[in-house]
Amino acid sequence: MKRKIDGLLEELKFKGMAAIMDQQIARAENGTAVQNIIYNLLQEELRCHQERSLINRIRNAKMPWDWTLNSLPFHQQPMVNKNQIMTLAGLDFLERGENIIFHGKTGVGKSGLAVGILRQALISGSRGRFYDVQRLLDDLYASLADRSTTKLLNALCRYDILLLDELGYLTLNKEQMNAFFKLMKERYEAGKSTIITTNLEPDDWYQLLEPKDMVDALLDRLYHRCVVVKIDGQSLRASSSE
């Protein structure tokens, strides 16, 4: 019977139950109530399932760094309001469909903070994705060739949270701009949150994107529900080398 049970657990991929089955059988033989045994088995299987789901969410998010909010040396960046960041890490902004824009020069900690908040969202059960902005635009442009743009946009709009890293002075063609406008419009209308790290002031976006009326609409949607975290401090890379 034990071999049959082990075989069924393996076929059903109930790894959590399998890990504690012998222990729970021993407890049953010592008089533990059947209801308690069943509960323990189900509880362990749920825990194992949640752990696997988290691993999959983190892998699929394609974050390039294993950073957490504990990775940022807040003491070296006094211009960052730690209380504000930890409040954002509470993830209420996701429920409100708010965006976050981290603005500042290179090296001040924008990407680290953004990845840390993305990781918190993944841990909480949300689905998210990290994208370098240039890579995103290249993927959108490549999708035009095989007519998979709609499929890609739909996939990007399903994420609860999308992190677009390093929006700066890029060379874009008309098709890339149109696809980016469409992505941001659809995420706004779906009430999905987007995190953007950038060194651009709002007025600078007009030097990157066109036409003006579409940039107006983009900024209006982006800043309508938005938390702006402006970091005026020095580069953390420079301070760490001193």
C-alpha atoms as a PDB file:
ATOM      1  CA  MET A   1       0.000   0.000   0.000  1.00  0.00           C
ATOM      2  CA  LYS A   2       2.848   2.381   0.767  1.00  0.00           C
ATOM      3  CA  ARG A   3       4.278   1.867  -2.723  1.00  0.00           C
ATOM      4  CA  LYS A   4       0.851   2.540  -4.244  1.00  0.00           C
ATOM      5  CA  ILE A   5       0.471   5.753  -2.235  1.00  0.00           C
ATOM      6  CA  ASP A   6       3.978   6.900  -3.164  1.00  0.00           C
ATOM      7  CA  GLY A   7       3.233   6.154  -6.817  1.00  0.00           C
ATOM      8  CA  LEU A   8       0.015   8.166  -6.762  1.00  0.00           C
ATOM      9  CA  LEU A   9       1.707  11.101  -5.041  1.00  0.00           C
ATOM     10  CA  GLU A  10       4.442  11.090  -7.660  1.00  0.00           C
ATOM     11  CA  GLU A  11       1.964  10.853 -10.541  1.00  0.00           C
ATOM     12  CA  LEU A  12      -0.137  13.674  -9.120  1.00  0.00           C
ATOM     13  CA  LYS A  13       3.040  15.670  -8.377  1.00  0.00           C
ATOM     14  CA  PHE A  14       1.988  16.169  -4.758  1.00  0.00           C
ATOM     15  CA  LYS A  15       5.536  16.833  -3.594  1.00  0.00           C
ATOM     16  CA  GLY A  16       4.501  18.500  -0.370  1.00  0.00           C
ATOM     17  CA  MET A  17       2.424  15.535   0.769  1.00  0.00           C
ATOM     18  CA  ALA A  18       5.095  13.090  -0.313  1.00  0.00           C
ATOM     19  CA  ALA A  19       7.709  14.856   1.809  1.00  0.00           C
ATOM     20  CA  ILE A  20       5.790  14.399   5.060  1.00  0.00           C
ATOM     21  CA  MET A  21       3.721  11.267   4.337  1.00  0.00           C
ATOM     22  CA  ASP A  22       5.857   8.874   6.400  1.00  0.00           C
ATOM     23  CA  GLN A  23       5.865  11.324   9.300  1.00  0.00           C
ATOM     24  CA  GLN A  24       2.099  11.712   9.197  1.00  0.00           C
ATOM     25  CA  ILE A  25       1.518   7.952   8.930  1.00  0.00           C
ATOM     26  CA  ALA A  26       3.629   7.507  12.043  1.00  0.00           C
ATOM     27  CA  ARG A  27       1.551  10.120  13.840  1.00  0.00           C
ATOM     28  CA  ALA A  28      -1.655   8.363  12.778  1.00  0.00           C
ATOM     29  CA  GLU A  29      -0.347   5.075  14.146  1.00  0.00           C
ATOM     30  CA  ASN A  30       0.326   6.849  17.443  1.00  0.00           C
ATOM     31  CA  GLY A  31      -3.276   7.996  17.699  1.00  0.00           C
ATOM     32  CA  THR A  32      -3.371  11.435  15.997  1.00  0.00           C
ATOM     33  CA  ALA A  33      -6.892  12.167  14.709  1.00  0.00           C
ATOM     34  CA  VAL A  34      -7.463  11.459  11.017  1.00  0.00           C
ATOM     35  CA  GLN A  35      -8.754  15.009  10.467  1.00  0.00           C
ATOM     36  CA  ASN A  36      -5.468  16.423  11.767  1.00  0.00           C
ATOM     37  CA  ILE A  37      -3.450  14.149   9.491  1.00  0.00           C
ATOM     38  CA  ILE A  38      -5.471  15.189   6.444  1.00  0.00           C
ATOM     39  CA  TYR A  39      -5.151  18.858   7.387  1.00  0.00           C
ATOM     40  CA  ASN A  40      -1.366  18.604   7.819  1.00  0.00           C
ATOM     41  CA  LEU A  41      -0.974  16.892   4.447  1.00  0.00           C
ATOM     42  CA  LEU A  42      -3.090  19.478   2.653  1.00  0.00           C
ATOM     43  CA  GLN A  43      -1.382  22.368   4.446  1.00  0.00           C
ATOM     44  CA  GLU A  44       2.065  21.133   3.416  1.00  0.00           C
ATOM     45  CA  GLU A  45       0.948  20.614  -0.183  1.00  0.00           C
ATOM     46  CA  LEU A  46      -0.430  24.163  -0.266  1.00  0.00           C
ATOM     47  CA  ARG A  47       2.827  25.529   1.147  1.00  0.00           C
ATOM     48  CA  CYS A  48       4.822  23.619  -1.466  1.00  0.00           C
ATOM     49  CA  HIS A  49       2.519  24.853  -4.245  1.00  0.00           C
ATOM     50  CA  GLN A  50       2.878  28.473  -3.107  1.00  0.00           C
ATOM     51  CA  GLU A  51       6.658  28.114  -2.965  1.00  0.00           C
ATOM     52  CA  ARG A  52       6.793  26.740  -6.510  1.00  0.00           C
ATOM     53  CA  SER A  53       4.488  29.498  -7.737  1.00  0.00           C
ATOM     54  CA  LEU A  54       6.743  32.165  -6.224  1.00  0.00           C
ATOM     55  CA  ILE A  55       9.821  30.605  -7.825  1.00  0.00           C
ATOM     56  CA  ASN A  56       8.028  30.620 -11.186  1.00  0.00           C
ATOM     57  CA  ARG A  57       6.886  34.248 -10.787  1.00  0.00           C
ATOM     58  CA  ILE A  58      10.414  35.378  -9.960  1.00  0.00           C
ATOM     59  CA  ARG A  59      11.894  33.427 -12.866  1.00  0.00           C
ATOM     60  CA  ASN A  60       9.309  34.697 -15.343  1.00  0.00           C
ATOM     61  CA  ALA A  61       9.792  38.300 -14.189  1.00  0.00           C
ATOM     62  CA  LYS A  62      13.331  38.146 -15.650  1.00  0.00           C
ATOM     63  CA  MET A  63      14.843  40.525 -13.122  1.00  0.00           C
ATOM     64  CA  PRO A  64      18.561  40.933 -13.925  1.00  0.00           C
ATOM     65  CA  TRP A  65      19.562  41.380 -10.279  1.00  0.00           C
ATOM     66  CA  ASP A  66      18.695  39.597  -7.033  1.00  0.00           C
ATOM     67  CA  TRP A  67      18.165  42.909  -5.298  1.00  0.00           C
ATOM     68  CA  THR A  68      15.729  43.467  -2.453  1.00  0.00           C
ATOM     69  CA  LEU A  69      14.890  46.674  -0.644  1.00  0.00           C
ATOM     70  CA  ASN A  70      17.399  45.579   1.982  1.00  0.00           C
ATOM     71  CA  SER A  71      20.085  45.742  -0.705  1.00  0.00           C
ATOM     72  CA  LEU A  72      19.913  49.532  -0.944  1.00  0.00           C
ATOM     73  CA  PRO A  73      22.187  51.388   1.467  1.00  0.00           C
ATOM     74  CA  PHE A  74      19.668  54.022   2.529  1.00  0.00           C
ATOM     75  CA  HIS A  75      22.281  55.587   4.801  1.00  0.00           C
ATOM     76  CA  GLN A  76      24.348  56.428   1.706  1.00  0.00           C
ATOM     77  CA  GLN A  77      21.408  58.015  -0.082  1.00  0.00           C
ATOM     78  CA  PRO A  78      19.801  60.475   2.352  1.00  0.00           C
ATOM     79  CA  MET A  79      17.717  62.014  -0.452  1.00  0.00           C
ATOM     80  CA  VAL A  80      15.594  58.846  -0.516  1.00  0.00           C
ATOM     81  CA  ASN A  81      12.692  58.870   1.928  1.00  0.00           C
ATOM     82  CA  LYS A  82      12.888  55.351   3.368  1.00  0.00           C
ATOM     83  CA  ASN A  83       9.434  55.642   4.947  1.00  0.00           C
ATOM     84  CA  GLN A  84       7.937  56.480   1.551  1.00  0.00           C
ATOM     85  CA  ILE A  85       9.684  53.509  -0.076  1.00  0.00           C
ATOM     86  CA  MET A  86       8.541  51.084   2.616  1.00  0.00           C
ATOM     87  CA  THR A  87       5.001  52.426   2.263  1.00  0.00           C
ATOM     88  CA  LEU A  88       5.166  51.714  -1.468  1.00  0.00           C
ATOM     89  CA  ALA A  89       6.458  48.236  -0.611  1.00  0.00           C
ATOM     90  CA  GLY A  90       3.144  47.695   1.171  1.00  0.00           C
ATOM     91  CA  LEU A  91       1.730  47.547  -2.395  1.00  0.00           C
ATOM     92  CA  ASP A  92      -1.443  49.569  -1.843  1.00  0.00           C
ATOM     93  CA  PHE A  93      -0.566  51.411  -5.060  1.00  0.00           C
ATOM     94  CA  LEU A  94      -1.296  48.208  -7.001  1.00  0.00           C
ATOM     95  CA  GLU A  95      -4.876  48.127  -5.746  1.00  0.00           C
ATOM     96  CA  ARG A  96      -5.304  51.754  -6.802  1.00  0.00           C
ATOM     97  CA  GLY A  97      -3.722  51.143 -10.210  1.00  0.00           C
ATOM     98  CA  GLU A  98      -1.091  53.806  -9.567  1.00  0.00           C
ATOM     99  CA  ASN A  99       2.187  54.160 -11.427  1.00  0.00           C
ATOM    100  CA  ILE A 100       5.571  54.901  -9.862  1.00  0.00           C
ATOM    101  CA  ILE A 101       8.234  57.019 -11.546  1.00  0.00           C
ATOM    102  CA  PHE A 102      11.743  56.984 -10.102  1.00  0.00           C
ATOM    103  CA  HIS A 103      13.536  60.052 -11.423  1.00  0.00           C
ATOM    104  CA  GLY A 104      17.193  60.878 -11.014  1.00  0.00           C
ATOM    105  CA  LYS A 105      20.655  60.724 -12.475  1.00  0.00           C
ATOM    106  CA  THR A 106      22.515  57.509 -13.225  1.00  0.00           C
ATOM    107  CA  GLY A 107      23.605  55.516 -10.190  1.00  0.00           C
ATOM    108  CA  VAL A 108      21.388  57.116  -7.534  1.00  0.00           C
ATOM    109  CA  GLY A 109      19.501  53.882  -6.807  1.00  0.00           C
ATOM    110  CA  LYS A 110      16.428  54.129  -9.073  1.00  0.00           C
ATOM    111  CA  SER A 111      16.679  50.632 -10.494  1.00  0.00           C
ATOM    112  CA  GLY A 112      17.477  49.075  -7.130  1.00  0.00           C
ATOM    113  CA  LEU A 113      14.384  50.588  -5.526  1.00  0.00           C
ATOM    114  CA  ALA A 114      12.200  49.642  -8.487  1.00  0.00           C
ATOM    115  CA  VAL A 115      13.401  46.027  -8.528  1.00  0.00           C
ATOM    116  CA  GLY A 116      12.953  45.814  -4.763  1.00  0.00           C
ATOM    117  CA  ILE A 117       9.314  46.878  -5.032  1.00  0.00           C
ATOM    118  CA  LEU A 118       8.746  44.539  -7.975  1.00  0.00           C
ATOM    119  CA  ARG A 119      10.128  41.662  -5.906  1.00  0.00           C
ATOM    120  CA  GLN A 120       7.780  42.533  -3.032  1.00  0.00           C
ATOM    121  CA  ALA A 121       4.857  42.399  -5.470  1.00  0.00           C
ATOM    122  CA  LEU A 122       5.947  38.975  -6.723  1.00  0.00           C
ATOM    123  CA  ILE A 123       6.243  37.677  -3.163  1.00  0.00           C
ATOM    124  CA  SER A 124       2.720  38.911  -2.446  1.00  0.00           C
ATOM    125  CA  GLY A 125       1.346  36.859  -5.350  1.00  0.00           C
ATOM    126  CA  SER A 126       1.253  39.441  -8.148  1.00  0.00           C
ATOM    127  CA  ARG A 127       2.556  38.709 -11.635  1.00  0.00           C
ATOM    128  CA  GLY A 128       5.192  41.120 -12.885  1.00  0.00           C
ATOM    129  CA  ARG A 129       7.885  41.629 -15.490  1.00  0.00           C
ATOM    130  CA  PHE A 130      11.137  43.584 -15.699  1.00  0.00           C
ATOM    131  CA  TYR A 131      12.029  45.149 -19.026  1.00  0.00           C
ATOM    132  CA  ASP A 132      14.949  47.297 -20.060  1.00  0.00           C
ATOM    133  CA  VAL A 133      13.170  49.972 -22.112  1.00  0.00           C
ATOM    134  CA  GLN A 134      15.420  49.552 -25.140  1.00  0.00           C
ATOM    135  CA  ARG A 135      14.825  45.780 -25.104  1.00  0.00           C
ATOM    136  CA  LEU A 136      11.080  46.329 -24.842  1.00  0.00           C
ATOM    137  CA  LEU A 137      11.080  48.682 -27.803  1.00  0.00           C
ATOM    138  CA  ASP A 138      13.202  46.268 -29.816  1.00  0.00           C
ATOM    139  CA  ASP A 139      10.804  43.409 -29.009  1.00  0.00           C
ATOM    140  CA  LEU A 140       7.822  45.548 -29.997  1.00  0.00           C
ATOM    141  CA  TYR A 141       9.510  46.451 -33.279  1.00  0.00           C
ATOM    142  CA  ALA A 142      10.467  42.829 -33.987  1.00  0.00           C
ATOM    143  CA  SER A 143       6.867  41.755 -33.366  1.00  0.00           C
ATOM    144  CA  LEU A 144       5.766  43.849 -36.337  1.00  0.00           C
ATOM    145  CA  ALA A 145       7.632  41.520 -38.687  1.00  0.00           C
ATOM    146  CA  ASP A 146       5.657  38.403 -37.735  1.00  0.00           C
ATOM    147  CA  ARG A 147       2.484  40.307 -36.863  1.00  0.00           C
ATOM    148  CA  SER A 148       2.623  39.258 -33.215  1.00  0.00           C
ATOM    149  CA  THR A 149       2.390  42.787 -31.794  1.00  0.00           C
ATOM    150  CA  THR A 150      -1.156  42.299 -30.536  1.00  0.00           C
ATOM    151  CA  LYS A 151      -0.172  39.063 -28.787  1.00  0.00           C
ATOM    152  CA  LEU A 152       2.840  40.743 -27.161  1.00  0.00           C
ATOM    153  CA  LEU A 153       0.823  43.759 -26.031  1.00  0.00           C
ATOM    154  CA  ASN A 154      -1.876  41.514 -24.576  1.00  0.00           C
ATOM    155  CA  ALA A 155       0.760  39.572 -22.643  1.00  0.00           C
ATOM    156  CA  LEU A 156       2.337  42.782 -21.302  1.00  0.00           C
ATOM    157  CA  CYS A 157      -1.047  44.159 -20.285  1.00  0.00           C
ATOM    158  CA  ARG A 158      -1.862  41.068 -18.249  1.00  0.00           C
ATOM    159  CA  TYR A 159       0.986  41.703 -15.824  1.00  0.00           C
ATOM    160  CA  ASP A 160      -0.171  43.243 -12.561  1.00  0.00           C
ATOM    161  CA  ILE A 161       3.024  45.285 -12.489  1.00  0.00           C
ATOM    162  CA  LEU A 162       5.470  46.135 -15.275  1.00  0.00           C
ATOM    163  CA  LEU A 163       8.888  47.657 -14.581  1.00  0.00           C
ATOM    164  CA  LEU A 164      10.373  49.698 -17.432  1.00  0.00           C
ATOM    165  CA  ASP A 165      13.984  50.468 -16.581  1.00  0.00           C
ATOM    166  CA  GLU A 166      16.114  53.311 -17.942  1.00  0.00           C
ATOM    167  CA  LEU A 167      13.788  55.367 -20.075  1.00  0.00           C
ATOM    168  CA  GLY A 168      16.249  57.866 -21.500  1.00  0.00           C
ATOM    169  CA  TYR A 169      17.400  59.383 -24.734  1.00  0.00           C
ATOM    170  CA  LEU A 170      16.803  56.528 -27.159  1.00  0.00           C
ATOM    171  CA  THR A 171      16.646  56.374 -30.915  1.00  0.00           C
ATOM    172  CA  LEU A 172      13.112  55.384 -31.852  1.00  0.00           C
ATOM    173  CA  ASN A 173      11.244  54.968 -35.092  1.00  0.00           C
ATOM    174  CA  LYS A 174       7.576  55.728 -35.620  1.00  0.00           C
ATOM    175  CA  GLU A 175       6.467  52.112 -35.240  1.00  0.00           C
ATOM    176  CA  GLN A 176       8.227  51.731 -31.894  1.00  0.00           C
ATOM    177  CA  MET A 177       6.682  54.948 -30.590  1.00  0.00           C
ATOM    178  CA  ASN A 178       3.187  53.902 -31.678  1.00  0.00           C
ATOM    179  CA  ALA A 179       3.540  50.505 -30.022  1.00  0.00           C
ATOM    180  CA  PHE A 180       4.787  52.128 -26.801  1.00  0.00           C
ATOM    181  CA  PHE A 181       1.885  54.595 -26.801  1.00  0.00           C
ATOM    182  CA  LYS A 182      -0.552  51.714 -27.269  1.00  0.00           C
ATOM    183  CA  LEU A 183       0.999  49.685 -24.456  1.00  0.00           C
ATOM    184  CA  MET A 184       0.772  52.526 -21.960  1.00  0.00           C
ATOM    185  CA  LYS A 185      -2.776  53.390 -23.048  1.00  0.00           C
ATOM    186  CA  GLU A 186      -3.995  49.820 -22.610  1.00  0.00           C
ATOM    187  CA  ARG A 187      -2.317  49.360 -19.230  1.00  0.00           C
ATOM    188  CA  TYR A 188      -3.834  52.635 -18.036  1.00  0.00           C
ATOM    189  CA  GLU A 189      -7.308  51.620 -19.177  1.00  0.00           C
ATOM    190  CA  ALA A 190      -6.904  48.219 -17.500  1.00  0.00           C
ATOM    191  CA  GLY A 191      -5.898  49.892 -14.230  1.00  0.00           C
ATOM    192  CA  LYS A 192      -2.502  48.154 -14.179  1.00  0.00           C
ATOM    193  CA  SER A 193       0.524  49.688 -12.456  1.00  0.00           C
ATOM    194  CA  THR A 194       3.761  50.506 -14.258  1.00  0.00           C
ATOM    195  CA  ILE A 195       7.079  51.452 -12.654  1.00  0.00           C
ATOM    196  CA  ILE A 196       9.409  53.594 -14.749  1.00  0.00           C
ATOM    197  CA  THR A 197      12.970  54.624 -13.945  1.00  0.00           C
ATOM    198  CA  THR A 198      14.197  57.607 -15.924  1.00  0.00           C
ATOM    199  CA  ASN A 199      16.503  60.592 -15.969  1.00  0.00           C
ATOM    200  CA  LEU A 200      14.001  62.576 -18.052  1.00  0.00           C
ATOM    201  CA  GLU A 201      11.855  65.420 -16.787  1.00  0.00           C
ATOM    202  CA  PRO A 202       8.303  65.433 -18.226  1.00  0.00           C
ATOM    203  CA  ASP A 203       9.227  68.186 -20.707  1.00  0.00           C
ATOM    204  CA  ASP A 204      12.123  66.047 -21.970  1.00  0.00           C
ATOM    205  CA  TRP A 205       9.732  63.347 -23.181  1.00  0.00           C
ATOM    206  CA  TYR A 206       8.856  65.567 -26.146  1.00  0.00           C
ATOM    207  CA  GLN A 207      12.461  65.284 -27.329  1.00  0.00           C
ATOM    208  CA  LEU A 208      12.195  61.501 -27.252  1.00  0.00           C
ATOM    209  CA  LEU A 209       8.669  60.886 -28.565  1.00  0.00           C
ATOM    210  CA  GLU A 210       6.309  62.408 -31.094  1.00  0.00           C
ATOM    211  CA  PRO A 211       3.813  63.639 -32.190  1.00  0.00           C
ATOM    212  CA  LYS A 212       3.106  66.132 -29.431  1.00  0.00           C
ATOM    213  CA  ASP A 213      -0.579  65.305 -29.009  1.00  0.00           C
ATOM    214  CA  MET A 214       0.224  61.632 -28.391  1.00  0.00           C
ATOM    215  CA  VAL A 215       2.945  62.557 -25.898  1.00  0.00           C
ATOM    216  CA  ASP A 216       0.424  64.819 -24.154  1.00  0.00           C
ATOM    217  CA  ALA A 217      -1.999  61.901 -23.875  1.00  0.00           C
ATOM    218  CA  LEU A 218       0.748  59.554 -22.662  1.00  0.00           C
ATOM    219  CA  LEU A 219       1.919  61.903 -19.919  1.00  0.00           C
ATOM    220  CA  ASP A 220      -1.657  62.648 -18.901  1.00  0.00           C
ATOM    221  CA  ARG A 221      -2.373  58.931 -18.405  1.00  0.00           C
ATOM    222  CA  LEU A 222       0.978  58.197 -16.796  1.00  0.00           C
ATOM    223  CA  TYR A 223       0.819  61.013 -14.241  1.00  0.00           C
ATOM    224  CA  HIS A 224      -2.929  60.798 -13.573  1.00  0.00           C
ATOM    225  CA  ARG A 225      -2.451  58.068 -10.978  1.00  0.00           C
ATOM    226  CA  CYS A 226       1.216  58.334 -10.113  1.00  0.00           C
ATOM    227  CA  VAL A 227       3.762  58.522  -7.312  1.00  0.00           C
ATOM    228  CA  VAL A 228       6.921  60.381  -8.328  1.00  0.00           C
ATOM    229  CA  VAL A 229      10.073  59.587  -6.372  1.00  0.00           C
ATOM    230  CA  LYS A 230      12.711  62.182  -7.252  1.00  0.00           C
ATOM    231  CA  ILE A 231      16.262  61.357  -6.140  1.00  0.00           C
ATOM    232  CA  ASP A 232      18.671  64.287  -6.223  1.00  0.00           C
ATOM    233  CA  GLY A 233      21.539  62.560  -4.434  1.00  0.00           C
ATOM    234  CA  GLN A 234      24.963  61.542  -5.663  1.00  0.00           C
ATOM    235  CA  SER A 235      25.750  58.288  -7.441  1.00  0.00           C
ATOM    236  CA  LEU A 236      26.013  55.360  -5.064  1.00  0.00           C
ATOM    237  CA  ARG A 237      28.749  53.944  -7.272  1.00  0.00           C
ATOM    238  CA  ALA A 238      30.860  57.043  -6.725  1.00  0.00           C
ATOM    239  CA  SER A 239      30.327  57.030  -2.960  1.00  0.00           C
ATOM    240  CA  SER A 240      31.160  53.318  -2.710  1.00  0.00           C
ATOM    241  CA  SER A 241      34.515  53.864  -4.435  1.00  0.00           C
ATOM    242  CA  GLU A 242      35.620  56.601  -2.063  1.00  0.00           C
END
